[in-house]
Amino acid sequence: MGKIEKTIFILDYISSEELRRKIQKGLNKGEAMNGLARAIFFGKQGELRERTMQSQLQKASALNLIINAINIWNTLYLEKAINYKESIGEYIDYNLISHISPLGWEHINMLGEYTFNLNELETKELHRPLNI
């Protein structure tokens, strides 16, 4: 970025509250994703200690895959919750929905015991019930 463009950007940033809010919103989304990544990648103090670039890329790709899976899961349940609220006649302010992030993870058990019983999975519904 040239000095003139940088100066123009800084002046725009100082004078425009809307631009500052837009930039802060983007920064907040990035920080939310980094927080989720830290919560998932807790082993070895969250450091990539693999020696080869291939191993580092595999670990980073696995982390991104898990982040995306959580993001999709949360998005599906946010949609399900909104549809439920509409079905019972509650007012939904759609302007506020753009402020909801699917990057939350407080409801996810990051540590603990996981059991997978395939017979039990076949008889259950596809989605867990809403916790409203």
N, C-alpha and C. Protein backbone atom coordinates (compact mmCIF):
# COMPACT_ATOMS: atom_id res chain seq x y z
N MET A 1 0.86 -1.17 0.00
CA MET A 1 0.00 0.00 0.00
C MET A 1 0.90 1.23 0.00
N GLY A 2 0.63 2.15 -0.91
CA GLY A 2 1.42 3.36 -0.98
C GLY A 2 1.13 4.31 0.16
N LYS A 3 2.01 5.28 0.34
CA LYS A 3 1.86 6.23 1.45
C LYS A 3 0.61 7.08 1.30
N ILE A 4 0.29 7.46 0.07
CA ILE A 4 -0.91 8.28 -0.14
C ILE A 4 -2.17 7.48 0.19
N GLU A 5 -2.24 6.23 -0.31
CA GLU A 5 -3.41 5.39 -0.02
C GLU A 5 -3.54 5.12 1.47
N LYS A 6 -2.41 4.89 2.11
CA LYS A 6 -2.43 4.62 3.56
C LYS A 6 -2.92 5.85 4.31
N THR A 7 -2.46 7.03 3.93
CA THR A 7 -2.89 8.27 4.57
C THR A 7 -4.39 8.49 4.37
N ILE A 8 -4.87 8.26 3.15
CA ILE A 8 -6.30 8.40 2.87
C ILE A 8 -7.11 7.43 3.71
N PHE A 9 -6.63 6.18 3.82
CA PHE A 9 -7.33 5.18 4.63
C PHE A 9 -7.38 5.62 6.09
N ILE A 10 -6.26 6.08 6.63
CA ILE A 10 -6.21 6.51 8.04
C ILE A 10 -7.18 7.66 8.28
N LEU A 11 -7.22 8.62 7.36
CA LEU A 11 -8.16 9.74 7.50
C LEU A 11 -9.60 9.26 7.44
N ASP A 12 -9.89 8.33 6.53
CA ASP A 12 -11.24 7.74 6.46
C ASP A 12 -11.57 7.01 7.75
N TYR A 13 -10.61 6.26 8.26
CA TYR A 13 -10.82 5.49 9.49
C TYR A 13 -11.12 6.42 10.67
N ILE A 14 -10.36 7.50 10.77
CA ILE A 14 -10.56 8.45 11.88
C ILE A 14 -11.90 9.15 11.77
N SER A 15 -12.30 9.50 10.56
CA SER A 15 -13.52 10.30 10.39
C SER A 15 -14.80 9.48 10.26
N SER A 16 -14.71 8.18 10.02
CA SER A 16 -15.91 7.39 9.78
C SER A 16 -16.14 6.35 10.88
N GLU A 17 -17.15 6.62 11.70
CA GLU A 17 -17.49 5.66 12.75
C GLU A 17 -18.00 4.35 12.14
N GLU A 18 -18.72 4.45 11.03
CA GLU A 18 -19.24 3.25 10.36
C GLU A 18 -18.09 2.35 9.88
N LEU A 19 -17.03 2.93 9.33
CA LEU A 19 -15.87 2.15 8.89
C LEU A 19 -15.19 1.48 10.07
N ARG A 20 -15.05 2.22 11.19
CA ARG A 20 -14.43 1.63 12.38
C ARG A 20 -15.25 0.46 12.91
N ARG A 21 -16.57 0.59 12.90
CA ARG A 21 -17.43 -0.50 13.35
C ARG A 21 -17.31 -1.72 12.44
N LYS A 22 -17.27 -1.47 11.13
CA LYS A 22 -17.15 -2.56 10.16
C LYS A 22 -15.84 -3.31 10.35
N ILE A 23 -14.76 -2.58 10.54
CA ILE A 23 -13.45 -3.21 10.76
C ILE A 23 -13.44 -3.97 12.07
N GLN A 24 -14.01 -3.38 13.13
CA GLN A 24 -14.05 -4.05 14.43
C GLN A 24 -14.87 -5.33 14.37
N LYS A 25 -15.96 -5.29 13.60
CA LYS A 25 -16.79 -6.49 13.44
C LYS A 25 -15.99 -7.61 12.79
N GLY A 26 -15.22 -7.28 11.77
CA GLY A 26 -14.36 -8.28 11.12
C GLY A 26 -13.29 -8.80 12.06
N LEU A 27 -12.70 -7.92 12.86
CA LEU A 27 -11.69 -8.35 13.82
C LEU A 27 -12.30 -9.26 14.88
N ASN A 28 -13.51 -8.95 15.32
CA ASN A 28 -14.18 -9.79 16.32
C ASN A 28 -14.44 -11.19 15.79
N LYS A 29 -14.83 -11.29 14.51
CA LYS A 29 -15.06 -12.61 13.92
C LYS A 29 -13.77 -13.41 13.87
N GLY A 30 -12.68 -12.75 13.51
CA GLY A 30 -11.39 -13.42 13.48
C GLY A 30 -10.97 -13.90 14.86
N GLU A 31 -11.19 -13.07 15.87
CA GLU A 31 -10.84 -13.45 17.24
C GLU A 31 -11.72 -14.59 17.74
N ALA A 32 -12.98 -14.61 17.34
CA ALA A 32 -13.86 -15.71 17.73
C ALA A 32 -13.36 -17.02 17.14
N MET A 33 -12.93 -16.98 15.89
CA MET A 33 -12.41 -18.20 15.26
C MET A 33 -11.09 -18.62 15.91
N ASN A 34 -10.24 -17.66 16.24
CA ASN A 34 -8.99 -18.00 16.93
C ASN A 34 -9.26 -18.59 18.31
N GLY A 35 -10.26 -18.06 19.01
CA GLY A 35 -10.62 -18.61 20.32
C GLY A 35 -11.11 -20.04 20.22
N LEU A 36 -11.92 -20.32 19.21
CA LEU A 36 -12.39 -21.68 18.98
C LEU A 36 -11.22 -22.60 18.65
N ALA A 37 -10.30 -22.12 17.82
CA ALA A 37 -9.13 -22.93 17.46
C ALA A 37 -8.29 -23.24 18.70
N ARG A 38 -8.13 -22.26 19.60
CA ARG A 38 -7.37 -22.50 20.84
C ARG A 38 -8.08 -23.51 21.72
N ALA A 39 -9.41 -23.45 21.76
CA ALA A 39 -10.17 -24.40 22.58
C ALA A 39 -10.04 -25.82 22.05
N ILE A 40 -9.99 -25.97 20.74
CA ILE A 40 -9.87 -27.29 20.12
C ILE A 40 -8.45 -27.81 20.23
N PHE A 41 -7.50 -26.97 19.93
CA PHE A 41 -6.10 -27.37 19.79
C PHE A 41 -5.36 -27.11 21.10
N PHE A 42 -5.69 -27.87 22.13
CA PHE A 42 -5.12 -27.63 23.45
C PHE A 42 -3.90 -28.49 23.73
N GLY A 43 -3.68 -29.55 22.98
CA GLY A 43 -2.53 -30.43 23.22
C GLY A 43 -1.22 -29.73 22.89
N LYS A 44 -0.19 -30.03 23.64
CA LYS A 44 1.15 -29.44 23.45
C LYS A 44 1.09 -27.92 23.48
N GLN A 45 0.28 -27.39 24.37
CA GLN A 45 0.09 -25.95 24.55
C GLN A 45 -0.32 -25.25 23.25
N GLY A 46 -0.99 -25.97 22.38
CA GLY A 46 -1.49 -25.39 21.14
C GLY A 46 -0.43 -25.07 20.12
N GLU A 47 0.72 -25.69 20.23
CA GLU A 47 1.81 -25.43 19.29
C GLU A 47 1.93 -26.56 18.28
N LEU A 48 2.25 -26.20 17.06
CA LEU A 48 2.55 -27.20 16.04
C LEU A 48 4.02 -27.59 16.21
N ARG A 49 4.26 -28.82 16.61
CA ARG A 49 5.63 -29.25 16.85
C ARG A 49 6.10 -30.29 15.83
N GLU A 50 5.39 -30.44 14.76
CA GLU A 50 5.79 -31.38 13.72
C GLU A 50 6.98 -30.80 12.97
N ARG A 51 7.85 -31.67 12.53
CA ARG A 51 9.06 -31.20 11.87
C ARG A 51 8.87 -30.91 10.39
N THR A 52 8.03 -31.69 9.74
CA THR A 52 7.89 -31.51 8.29
C THR A 52 6.71 -30.60 7.97
N MET A 53 6.85 -29.92 6.87
CA MET A 53 5.77 -29.03 6.41
C MET A 53 4.50 -29.83 6.15
N GLN A 54 4.63 -31.02 5.59
CA GLN A 54 3.47 -31.88 5.31
C GLN A 54 2.71 -32.20 6.60
N SER A 55 3.42 -32.54 7.66
CA SER A 55 2.77 -32.86 8.94
C SER A 55 2.10 -31.63 9.54
N GLN A 56 2.74 -30.48 9.42
CA GLN A 56 2.14 -29.24 9.92
C GLN A 56 0.87 -28.91 9.15
N LEU A 57 0.92 -29.07 7.83
CA LEU A 57 -0.27 -28.80 7.01
C LEU A 57 -1.41 -29.76 7.34
N GLN A 58 -1.08 -31.02 7.59
CA GLN A 58 -2.12 -31.99 7.96
C GLN A 58 -2.79 -31.60 9.26
N LYS A 59 -1.99 -31.20 10.25
CA LYS A 59 -2.56 -30.81 11.54
C LYS A 59 -3.40 -29.54 11.40
N ALA A 60 -2.91 -28.57 10.66
CA ALA A 60 -3.67 -27.33 10.45
C ALA A 60 -4.96 -27.60 9.68
N SER A 61 -4.89 -28.49 8.69
CA SER A 61 -6.09 -28.83 7.92
C SER A 61 -7.12 -29.55 8.79
N ALA A 62 -6.65 -30.44 9.66
CA ALA A 62 -7.56 -31.14 10.57
C ALA A 62 -8.24 -30.14 11.51
N LEU A 63 -7.48 -29.18 12.00
CA LEU A 63 -8.04 -28.15 12.88
C LEU A 63 -9.11 -27.35 12.13
N ASN A 64 -8.83 -26.95 10.90
CA ASN A 64 -9.81 -26.21 10.11
C ASN A 64 -11.05 -27.04 9.81
N LEU A 65 -10.87 -28.33 9.60
CA LEU A 65 -12.01 -29.22 9.36
C LEU A 65 -12.92 -29.28 10.59
N ILE A 66 -12.32 -29.37 11.76
CA ILE A 66 -13.11 -29.42 13.00
C ILE A 66 -13.82 -28.08 13.22
N ILE A 67 -13.12 -26.98 12.99
CA ILE A 67 -13.75 -25.65 13.13
C ILE A 67 -14.95 -25.54 12.18
N ASN A 68 -14.78 -25.98 10.95
CA ASN A 68 -15.89 -25.92 9.98
C ASN A 68 -17.04 -26.83 10.38
N ALA A 69 -16.74 -28.00 10.93
CA ALA A 69 -17.80 -28.91 11.38
C ALA A 69 -18.60 -28.28 12.51
N ILE A 70 -17.92 -27.64 13.46
CA ILE A 70 -18.62 -26.96 14.56
C ILE A 70 -19.44 -25.80 14.01
N ASN A 71 -18.89 -25.08 13.07
CA ASN A 71 -19.58 -23.96 12.45
C ASN A 71 -20.87 -24.42 11.75
N ILE A 72 -20.79 -25.50 11.00
CA ILE A 72 -21.97 -26.04 10.31
C ILE A 72 -23.00 -26.54 11.31
N TRP A 73 -22.54 -27.29 12.32
CA TRP A 73 -23.44 -27.80 13.36
C TRP A 73 -24.20 -26.65 14.02
N ASN A 74 -23.47 -25.62 14.43
CA ASN A 74 -24.10 -24.49 15.11
C ASN A 74 -25.04 -23.73 14.18
N THR A 75 -24.67 -23.59 12.91
CA THR A 75 -25.53 -22.90 11.95
C THR A 75 -26.85 -23.65 11.77
N LEU A 76 -26.78 -24.97 11.67
CA LEU A 76 -28.00 -25.77 11.53
C LEU A 76 -28.91 -25.61 12.74
N TYR A 77 -28.32 -25.60 13.94
CA TYR A 77 -29.14 -25.46 15.14
C TYR A 77 -29.64 -24.04 15.35
N LEU A 78 -28.88 -23.05 14.91
CA LEU A 78 -29.39 -21.68 14.97
C LEU A 78 -30.60 -21.55 14.05
N GLU A 79 -30.51 -22.13 12.86
CA GLU A 79 -31.64 -22.10 11.92
C GLU A 79 -32.84 -22.83 12.52
N LYS A 80 -32.58 -23.98 13.14
CA LYS A 80 -33.66 -24.76 13.75
C LYS A 80 -34.31 -23.97 14.89
N ALA A 81 -33.51 -23.27 15.68
CA ALA A 81 -34.04 -22.48 16.79
C ALA A 81 -34.87 -21.31 16.28
N ILE A 82 -34.39 -20.65 15.24
CA ILE A 82 -35.14 -19.52 14.67
C ILE A 82 -36.46 -20.01 14.09
N ASN A 83 -36.43 -21.12 13.37
CA ASN A 83 -37.67 -21.68 12.81
C ASN A 83 -38.65 -22.07 13.92
N TYR A 84 -38.14 -22.63 15.01
CA TYR A 84 -39.00 -23.00 16.12
C TYR A 84 -39.65 -21.76 16.73
N LYS A 85 -38.85 -20.73 16.98
CA LYS A 85 -39.39 -19.50 17.57
C LYS A 85 -40.47 -18.90 16.66
N GLU A 86 -40.24 -18.93 15.35
CA GLU A 86 -41.26 -18.44 14.42
C GLU A 86 -42.52 -19.29 14.48
N SER A 87 -42.36 -20.61 14.60
CA SER A 87 -43.52 -21.51 14.58
C SER A 87 -44.41 -21.33 15.80
N ILE A 88 -43.84 -20.86 16.91
CA ILE A 88 -44.68 -20.62 18.09
C ILE A 88 -45.14 -19.17 18.17
N GLY A 89 -44.87 -18.42 17.10
CA GLY A 89 -45.39 -17.07 17.00
C GLY A 89 -44.54 -15.99 17.62
N GLU A 90 -43.32 -16.29 17.99
CA GLU A 90 -42.45 -15.25 18.57
C GLU A 90 -41.89 -14.36 17.47
N TYR A 91 -41.76 -13.09 17.79
CA TYR A 91 -41.22 -12.12 16.84
C TYR A 91 -39.72 -12.33 16.68
N ILE A 92 -39.26 -12.35 15.44
CA ILE A 92 -37.84 -12.49 15.13
C ILE A 92 -37.39 -11.21 14.44
N ASP A 93 -36.43 -10.51 15.03
CA ASP A 93 -35.85 -9.33 14.40
C ASP A 93 -34.69 -9.79 13.52
N TYR A 94 -34.93 -9.86 12.23
CA TYR A 94 -33.93 -10.39 11.30
C TYR A 94 -32.70 -9.50 11.20
N ASN A 95 -32.80 -8.24 11.61
CA ASN A 95 -31.61 -7.38 11.62
C ASN A 95 -30.61 -7.85 12.66
N LEU A 96 -31.09 -8.49 13.71
CA LEU A 96 -30.19 -8.97 14.77
C LEU A 96 -29.51 -10.29 14.41
N ILE A 97 -30.09 -11.04 13.49
CA ILE A 97 -29.53 -12.34 13.14
C ILE A 97 -28.12 -12.21 12.56
N SER A 98 -27.87 -11.12 11.85
CA SER A 98 -26.53 -10.94 11.28
C SER A 98 -25.47 -10.75 12.36
N HIS A 99 -25.88 -10.49 13.59
CA HIS A 99 -24.94 -10.31 14.69
C HIS A 99 -24.70 -11.61 15.47
N ILE A 100 -25.38 -12.67 15.09
CA ILE A 100 -25.20 -13.96 15.75
C ILE A 100 -24.07 -14.72 15.06
N SER A 101 -23.16 -15.25 15.84
CA SER A 101 -22.04 -16.00 15.27
C SER A 101 -22.19 -17.48 15.56
N PRO A 102 -21.96 -18.33 14.57
CA PRO A 102 -22.02 -19.77 14.81
C PRO A 102 -20.70 -20.34 15.33
N LEU A 103 -19.82 -19.48 15.84
CA LEU A 103 -18.50 -19.94 16.29
C LEU A 103 -18.45 -20.24 17.79
N GLY A 104 -19.58 -20.22 18.48
CA GLY A 104 -19.59 -20.54 19.90
C GLY A 104 -19.27 -22.00 20.14
N TRP A 105 -18.66 -22.29 21.27
CA TRP A 105 -18.29 -23.68 21.57
C TRP A 105 -18.52 -24.05 23.03
N GLU A 106 -19.13 -23.16 23.80
CA GLU A 106 -19.32 -23.43 25.22
C GLU A 106 -20.17 -24.66 25.47
N HIS A 107 -21.02 -25.02 24.55
CA HIS A 107 -21.91 -26.17 24.69
C HIS A 107 -21.27 -27.47 24.22
N ILE A 108 -20.03 -27.43 23.79
CA ILE A 108 -19.35 -28.61 23.26
C ILE A 108 -18.39 -29.16 24.30
N ASN A 109 -18.46 -30.45 24.53
CA ASN A 109 -17.57 -31.13 25.48
C ASN A 109 -16.23 -31.37 24.80
N MET A 110 -15.26 -30.49 25.08
CA MET A 110 -13.94 -30.63 24.45
C MET A 110 -13.10 -31.70 25.14
N LEU A 111 -13.37 -31.94 26.39
CA LEU A 111 -12.66 -32.96 27.15
C LEU A 111 -13.69 -33.95 27.66
N GLY A 112 -13.29 -35.15 27.89
CA GLY A 112 -14.23 -36.09 28.46
C GLY A 112 -14.31 -37.37 27.67
N GLU A 113 -15.33 -38.13 27.97
CA GLU A 113 -15.48 -39.44 27.36
C GLU A 113 -16.56 -39.38 26.30
N TYR A 114 -16.24 -39.92 25.15
CA TYR A 114 -17.19 -40.00 24.06
C TYR A 114 -17.43 -41.46 23.75
N THR A 115 -18.69 -41.84 23.64
CA THR A 115 -19.01 -43.21 23.25
C THR A 115 -19.86 -43.16 21.99
N PHE A 116 -19.60 -44.09 21.12
CA PHE A 116 -20.34 -44.15 19.87
C PHE A 116 -20.92 -45.55 19.73
N ASN A 117 -22.24 -45.63 19.82
CA ASN A 117 -22.94 -46.88 19.67
C ASN A 117 -23.73 -46.80 18.37
N LEU A 118 -23.28 -47.51 17.35
CA LEU A 118 -23.91 -47.41 16.04
C LEU A 118 -25.36 -47.88 16.06
N ASN A 119 -25.68 -48.89 16.86
CA ASN A 119 -27.06 -49.37 16.94
C ASN A 119 -27.97 -48.29 17.51
N GLU A 120 -27.47 -47.57 18.51
CA GLU A 120 -28.25 -46.51 19.12
C GLU A 120 -28.44 -45.34 18.15
N LEU A 121 -27.42 -45.04 17.37
CA LEU A 121 -27.51 -43.94 16.41
C LEU A 121 -28.56 -44.18 15.34
N GLU A 122 -28.74 -45.41 14.95
CA GLU A 122 -29.71 -45.73 13.90
C GLU A 122 -31.14 -45.45 14.33
N THR A 123 -31.42 -45.54 15.63
CA THR A 123 -32.79 -45.37 16.11
C THR A 123 -33.08 -43.93 16.50
N LYS A 124 -32.07 -43.09 16.61
CA LYS A 124 -32.29 -41.71 17.05
C LYS A 124 -32.60 -40.80 15.88
N GLU A 125 -33.16 -39.64 16.24
CA GLU A 125 -33.39 -38.61 15.22
C GLU A 125 -32.06 -38.10 14.71
N LEU A 126 -32.12 -37.45 13.56
CA LEU A 126 -30.90 -36.91 12.96
C LEU A 126 -30.30 -35.79 13.80
N HIS A 127 -31.15 -34.98 14.42
CA HIS A 127 -30.69 -33.84 15.21
C HIS A 127 -31.02 -34.03 16.68
N ARG A 128 -30.21 -33.41 17.51
CA ARG A 128 -30.51 -33.39 18.94
C ARG A 128 -31.65 -32.40 19.17
N PRO A 129 -32.42 -32.56 20.26
CA PRO A 129 -33.51 -31.62 20.52
C PRO A 129 -32.95 -30.24 20.90
N LEU A 130 -33.72 -29.20 20.59
CA LEU A 130 -33.32 -27.84 20.95
C LEU A 130 -33.31 -27.69 22.46
N ASN A 131 -32.39 -26.91 22.97
CA ASN A 131 -32.30 -26.64 24.40
C ASN A 131 -32.77 -25.20 24.64
N ILE A 132 -34.09 -24.99 24.48
CA ILE A 132 -34.65 -23.64 24.59
C ILE A 132 -35.44 -23.53 25.87
